Amino acid sequence: MNKALVTAMVLIAVIFLAGQAMAAADWRKGKKLHRDVCMQCHKSRGAADRLQLNARTKAQWSEFFQSGPT
């Protein structure tokens, strides 16, 4: 019985943590932000060079957006 209880608790914890991770990563908001903000300058004939999303790591992008795009 204890083994079943521990297994159930671990399963609940995994499901809860997976849900939290999925909620934190909203790709639709990211795609809209990219289109509405970044691509204003980073498009063909824009003021800045063409933007590649894989040009930075996740940590670098997080730091960039926390400091605010220029």
N, C-alpha and C. Protein backbone atom coordinates (compact mmCIF):
# COMPACT_ATOMS: atom_id res chain seq x y z
N MET A 1 0.81 -1.19 0.00
CA MET A 1 0.00 0.00 0.00
C MET A 1 0.86 1.26 0.00
N ASN A 2 1.94 1.27 0.75
CA ASN A 2 2.82 2.43 0.79
C ASN A 2 3.46 2.68 -0.57
N LYS A 3 3.81 1.60 -1.25
CA LYS A 3 4.43 1.73 -2.57
C LYS A 3 3.44 2.36 -3.56
N ALA A 4 2.19 1.96 -3.49
CA ALA A 4 1.17 2.52 -4.37
C ALA A 4 0.94 4.00 -4.06
N LEU A 5 0.95 4.35 -2.79
CA LEU A 5 0.76 5.74 -2.38
C LEU A 5 1.92 6.61 -2.86
N VAL A 6 3.13 6.13 -2.69
CA VAL A 6 4.31 6.88 -3.15
C VAL A 6 4.28 7.03 -4.67
N THR A 7 3.93 5.98 -5.37
CA THR A 7 3.85 6.04 -6.83
C THR A 7 2.80 7.06 -7.27
N ALA A 8 1.66 7.06 -6.62
CA ALA A 8 0.61 8.02 -6.95
C ALA A 8 1.05 9.45 -6.68
N MET A 9 1.73 9.68 -5.57
CA MET A 9 2.21 11.02 -5.23
C MET A 9 3.25 11.51 -6.24
N VAL A 10 4.15 10.62 -6.64
CA VAL A 10 5.16 10.99 -7.63
C VAL A 10 4.49 11.31 -8.96
N LEU A 11 3.53 10.52 -9.35
CA LEU A 11 2.81 10.76 -10.60
C LEU A 11 2.08 12.10 -10.57
N ILE A 12 1.45 12.41 -9.47
CA ILE A 12 0.76 13.71 -9.33
C ILE A 12 1.76 14.85 -9.41
N ALA A 13 2.90 14.70 -8.76
CA ALA A 13 3.92 15.75 -8.79
C ALA A 13 4.45 15.96 -10.21
N VAL A 14 4.69 14.89 -10.93
CA VAL A 14 5.18 14.99 -12.31
C VAL A 14 4.16 15.70 -13.19
N ILE A 15 2.92 15.34 -13.07
CA ILE A 15 1.86 15.97 -13.87
C ILE A 15 1.76 17.46 -13.53
N PHE A 16 1.81 17.78 -12.25
CA PHE A 16 1.74 19.18 -11.82
C PHE A 16 2.91 19.98 -12.38
N LEU A 17 4.13 19.46 -12.26
CA LEU A 17 5.31 20.18 -12.74
C LEU A 17 5.31 20.32 -14.26
N ALA A 18 4.85 19.30 -14.95
CA ALA A 18 4.77 19.39 -16.41
C ALA A 18 3.77 20.46 -16.83
N GLY A 19 2.67 20.55 -16.12
CA GLY A 19 1.68 21.58 -16.41
C GLY A 19 2.23 22.97 -16.18
N GLN A 20 3.01 23.14 -15.13
CA GLN A 20 3.63 24.44 -14.85
C GLN A 20 4.61 24.82 -15.95
N ALA A 21 5.40 23.87 -16.42
CA ALA A 21 6.36 24.15 -17.49
C ALA A 21 5.64 24.50 -18.79
N MET A 22 4.56 23.82 -19.08
CA MET A 22 3.81 24.11 -20.30
C MET A 22 3.18 25.49 -20.23
N ALA A 23 2.69 25.88 -19.06
CA ALA A 23 2.07 27.19 -18.91
C ALA A 23 3.09 28.31 -19.06
N ALA A 24 4.31 28.08 -18.61
CA ALA A 24 5.35 29.10 -18.68
C ALA A 24 5.82 29.33 -20.11
N ALA A 25 5.76 28.32 -20.94
CA ALA A 25 6.25 28.43 -22.32
C ALA A 25 5.07 28.62 -23.26
N ASP A 26 4.64 29.84 -23.45
CA ASP A 26 3.52 30.12 -24.33
C ASP A 26 4.07 30.53 -25.69
N TRP A 27 4.19 29.58 -26.60
CA TRP A 27 4.81 29.85 -27.90
C TRP A 27 3.97 30.79 -28.74
N ARG A 28 2.67 30.81 -28.53
CA ARG A 28 1.83 31.73 -29.31
C ARG A 28 2.14 33.18 -28.96
N LYS A 29 2.32 33.45 -27.67
CA LYS A 29 2.69 34.80 -27.26
C LYS A 29 4.07 35.17 -27.81
N GLY A 30 4.99 34.21 -27.78
CA GLY A 30 6.32 34.46 -28.32
C GLY A 30 6.30 34.75 -29.80
N LYS A 31 5.51 33.99 -30.53
CA LYS A 31 5.41 34.20 -31.98
C LYS A 31 4.80 35.56 -32.29
N LYS A 32 3.78 35.95 -31.52
CA LYS A 32 3.14 37.26 -31.72
C LYS A 32 4.11 38.38 -31.37
N LEU A 33 4.84 38.22 -30.26
CA LEU A 33 5.85 39.22 -29.88
C LEU A 33 6.89 39.37 -30.97
N HIS A 34 7.36 38.26 -31.49
CA HIS A 34 8.36 38.27 -32.56
C HIS A 34 7.83 39.01 -33.78
N ARG A 35 6.61 38.72 -34.17
CA ARG A 35 6.02 39.35 -35.35
C ARG A 35 5.75 40.84 -35.12
N ASP A 36 5.17 41.17 -33.98
CA ASP A 36 4.75 42.55 -33.73
C ASP A 36 5.88 43.49 -33.34
N VAL A 37 6.87 42.99 -32.62
CA VAL A 37 7.93 43.85 -32.11
C VAL A 37 9.22 43.70 -32.92
N CYS A 38 9.73 42.49 -32.97
CA CYS A 38 11.05 42.27 -33.56
C CYS A 38 11.07 42.50 -35.07
N MET A 39 10.05 41.99 -35.74
CA MET A 39 10.06 42.06 -37.20
C MET A 39 9.78 43.45 -37.75
N GLN A 40 9.47 44.41 -36.88
CA GLN A 40 9.30 45.78 -37.35
C GLN A 40 10.61 46.31 -37.94
N CYS A 41 11.72 45.92 -37.37
CA CYS A 41 13.03 46.34 -37.88
C CYS A 41 13.78 45.22 -38.58
N HIS A 42 13.57 43.98 -38.13
CA HIS A 42 14.32 42.84 -38.65
C HIS A 42 13.59 42.15 -39.79
N LYS A 43 13.26 42.87 -40.82
CA LYS A 43 12.61 42.28 -41.99
C LYS A 43 13.37 42.73 -43.23
N SER A 44 13.00 42.25 -44.35
CA SER A 44 13.64 42.67 -45.59
C SER A 44 13.55 44.18 -45.71
N ARG A 45 14.67 44.79 -45.99
CA ARG A 45 14.79 46.24 -46.13
C ARG A 45 14.45 46.99 -44.84
N GLY A 46 14.54 46.32 -43.71
CA GLY A 46 14.30 46.99 -42.44
C GLY A 46 15.56 47.69 -41.94
N ALA A 47 15.44 48.36 -40.81
CA ALA A 47 16.56 49.12 -40.27
C ALA A 47 17.66 48.22 -39.71
N ALA A 48 17.33 47.02 -39.32
CA ALA A 48 18.30 46.09 -38.74
C ALA A 48 18.48 44.88 -39.65
N ASP A 49 19.53 44.12 -39.36
CA ASP A 49 19.78 42.90 -40.14
C ASP A 49 18.64 41.91 -39.94
N ARG A 50 18.57 40.95 -40.85
CA ARG A 50 17.56 39.89 -40.77
C ARG A 50 17.75 39.12 -39.46
N LEU A 51 16.69 38.90 -38.73
CA LEU A 51 16.74 38.26 -37.43
C LEU A 51 16.54 36.76 -37.55
N GLN A 52 17.42 36.01 -36.92
CA GLN A 52 17.30 34.56 -36.83
C GLN A 52 17.01 34.22 -35.38
N LEU A 53 15.95 33.46 -35.12
CA LEU A 53 15.57 33.15 -33.75
C LEU A 53 16.63 32.32 -33.03
N ASN A 54 17.39 31.53 -33.77
CA ASN A 54 18.41 30.71 -33.13
C ASN A 54 19.74 31.45 -33.01
N ALA A 55 19.72 32.77 -33.16
CA ALA A 55 20.94 33.56 -33.05
C ALA A 55 21.41 33.68 -31.60
N ARG A 56 20.54 33.44 -30.65
CA ARG A 56 20.86 33.53 -29.22
C ARG A 56 20.31 32.31 -28.50
N THR A 57 20.89 32.06 -27.32
CA THR A 57 20.38 30.99 -26.48
C THR A 57 19.14 31.47 -25.74
N LYS A 58 18.43 30.56 -25.10
CA LYS A 58 17.23 30.92 -24.33
C LYS A 58 17.60 31.92 -23.23
N ALA A 59 18.72 31.70 -22.56
CA ALA A 59 19.15 32.61 -21.49
C ALA A 59 19.46 33.99 -22.05
N GLN A 60 20.10 34.05 -23.21
CA GLN A 60 20.41 35.34 -23.83
C GLN A 60 19.13 36.08 -24.22
N TRP A 61 18.15 35.37 -24.78
CA TRP A 61 16.88 36.00 -25.14
C TRP A 61 16.18 36.50 -23.88
N SER A 62 16.18 35.71 -22.81
CA SER A 62 15.54 36.13 -21.56
C SER A 62 16.17 37.40 -21.03
N GLU A 63 17.49 37.46 -21.03
CA GLU A 63 18.19 38.66 -20.58
C GLU A 63 17.86 39.85 -21.47
N PHE A 64 17.81 39.62 -22.77
CA PHE A 64 17.49 40.68 -23.72
C PHE A 64 16.11 41.27 -23.46
N PHE A 65 15.11 40.42 -23.26
CA PHE A 65 13.76 40.91 -23.06
C PHE A 65 13.55 41.51 -21.67
N GLN A 66 14.32 41.06 -20.68
CA GLN A 66 14.22 41.66 -19.35
C GLN A 66 14.79 43.08 -19.36
N SER A 67 15.86 43.29 -20.13
CA SER A 67 16.45 44.63 -20.21
C SER A 67 15.67 45.53 -21.15
N GLY A 68 14.88 44.93 -22.02
CA GLY A 68 14.04 45.71 -22.93
C GLY A 68 14.71 45.90 -24.28
N PRO A 69 13.99 45.60 -25.35
CA PRO A 69 14.53 45.81 -26.69
C PRO A 69 14.69 47.31 -26.97
N THR A 70 15.66 47.63 -27.77
CA THR A 70 15.90 49.04 -28.10
C THR A 70 15.28 49.41 -29.41
